[in-house]
Amino acid sequence: MTDTDVQAPKIEFPCERYPIKVIGEAGEGFSDLVIEIMQRHAPGFDETTLVSRDSRNGRFLSVQVLITATGVEQLQAIHTDLRATGRVHMVL
């Protein structure tokens, strides 16, 4: 098998319980910001799926949510809006 034979796993949409992890600088309202963006792009988003964790030194906060992913366009729009906030360092 060569590197060209390896393909990324394909996601079948809609994909329920699709995890998105957002890492940014800890501070007032970061989780609320993530929730607001998820509600905008994932109707029916359940806020109770949110799990947040502080970094060891408390400088960063990771927020993981589960959404129903409806397509690549939705995921790209979420990523774009999160990055546009200026508070997000990474979206996984």
Protein backbone atom coordinates (compact mmCIF):
# COMPACT_ATOMS: atom_id res chain seq x y z
CA MET A 1 0.00 0.00 0.00
CA THR A 2 1.34 3.43 -0.91
CA ASP A 3 0.48 6.87 0.43
CA THR A 4 -1.77 7.47 -2.56
CA ASP A 5 -3.83 4.36 -1.70
CA VAL A 6 -4.85 5.79 1.69
CA GLN A 7 -8.12 7.70 1.60
CA ALA A 8 -9.68 9.83 4.29
CA PRO A 9 -12.71 8.23 5.90
CA LYS A 10 -15.96 9.29 4.31
CA ILE A 11 -18.72 10.75 6.41
CA GLU A 12 -22.29 9.88 5.54
CA PHE A 13 -24.65 12.81 6.02
CA PRO A 14 -26.69 13.43 7.99
CA CYS A 15 -24.31 12.34 10.75
CA GLU A 16 -25.84 12.42 14.22
CA ARG A 17 -23.65 13.11 17.25
CA TYR A 18 -20.82 14.55 15.11
CA PRO A 19 -18.17 15.86 17.53
CA ILE A 20 -16.64 19.30 17.12
CA LYS A 21 -13.90 20.45 19.49
CA VAL A 22 -13.11 24.16 19.70
CA ILE A 23 -9.97 25.41 21.43
CA GLY A 24 -9.50 29.03 22.30
CA GLU A 25 -8.26 31.45 24.90
CA ALA A 26 -10.16 31.02 28.15
CA GLY A 27 -12.24 33.98 29.15
CA GLU A 28 -15.66 35.37 29.77
CA GLY A 29 -18.29 34.06 27.37
CA PHE A 30 -16.17 31.65 25.30
CA SER A 31 -18.57 28.72 25.78
CA ASP A 32 -21.54 31.01 25.06
CA LEU A 33 -19.87 32.13 21.85
CA VAL A 34 -19.45 28.51 20.71
CA ILE A 35 -23.08 27.74 21.61
CA GLU A 36 -24.37 30.74 19.64
CA ILE A 37 -22.48 29.70 16.50
CA MET A 38 -23.62 26.08 16.81
CA GLN A 39 -27.25 27.15 17.20
CA ARG A 40 -26.93 29.29 14.07
CA HIS A 41 -25.61 26.44 11.92
CA ALA A 42 -27.07 23.32 13.54
CA PRO A 43 -30.78 23.78 14.22
CA GLY A 44 -31.84 21.65 17.15
CA PHE A 45 -28.36 21.73 18.69
CA ASP A 46 -28.54 20.30 22.22
CA GLU A 47 -26.53 22.47 24.63
CA THR A 48 -26.40 19.62 27.15
CA THR A 49 -23.85 17.85 24.93
CA LEU A 50 -21.29 20.60 25.64
CA VAL A 51 -18.21 19.52 27.58
CA SER A 52 -15.57 22.09 28.48
CA ARG A 53 -12.11 21.60 29.89
CA ASP A 54 -9.50 24.11 31.01
CA SER A 55 -5.88 23.67 29.98
CA ARG A 56 -3.35 22.82 32.64
CA ASN A 57 -2.34 26.45 33.16
CA GLY A 58 -5.86 27.82 32.60
CA ARG A 59 -4.89 29.90 29.58
CA PHE A 60 -6.95 27.89 27.09
CA LEU A 61 -10.38 26.29 27.12
CA SER A 62 -11.54 23.40 24.98
CA VAL A 63 -15.24 23.08 24.27
CA GLN A 64 -16.60 19.93 22.66
CA VAL A 65 -20.13 19.72 21.29
CA LEU A 66 -22.13 17.13 19.40
CA ILE A 67 -24.23 18.23 16.45
CA THR A 68 -26.16 16.62 13.63
CA ALA A 69 -23.88 17.33 10.68
CA THR A 70 -25.87 17.81 7.49
CA GLY A 71 -23.05 18.31 5.00
CA VAL A 72 -19.60 19.61 4.21
CA GLU A 73 -20.95 23.11 3.58
CA GLN A 74 -22.38 23.27 7.11
CA LEU A 75 -19.10 22.13 8.67
CA GLN A 76 -17.12 24.67 6.63
CA ALA A 77 -19.51 27.47 7.66
CA ILE A 78 -19.15 26.52 11.34
CA HIS A 79 -15.36 26.51 11.02
CA THR A 80 -15.34 29.87 9.21
CA ASP A 81 -17.59 31.56 11.79
CA LEU A 82 -15.63 30.16 14.73
CA ARG A 83 -12.31 31.34 13.30
CA ALA A 84 -13.77 34.76 12.44
CA THR A 85 -14.37 35.45 16.15
CA GLY A 86 -10.65 35.95 16.71
CA ARG A 87 -10.89 33.95 19.94
CA VAL A 88 -10.62 30.47 18.42
CA HIS A 89 -7.19 28.93 17.87
CA MET A 90 -8.21 25.50 16.61
CA VAL A 91 -11.29 23.60 15.46
CA LEU A 92 -11.13 19.81 15.37
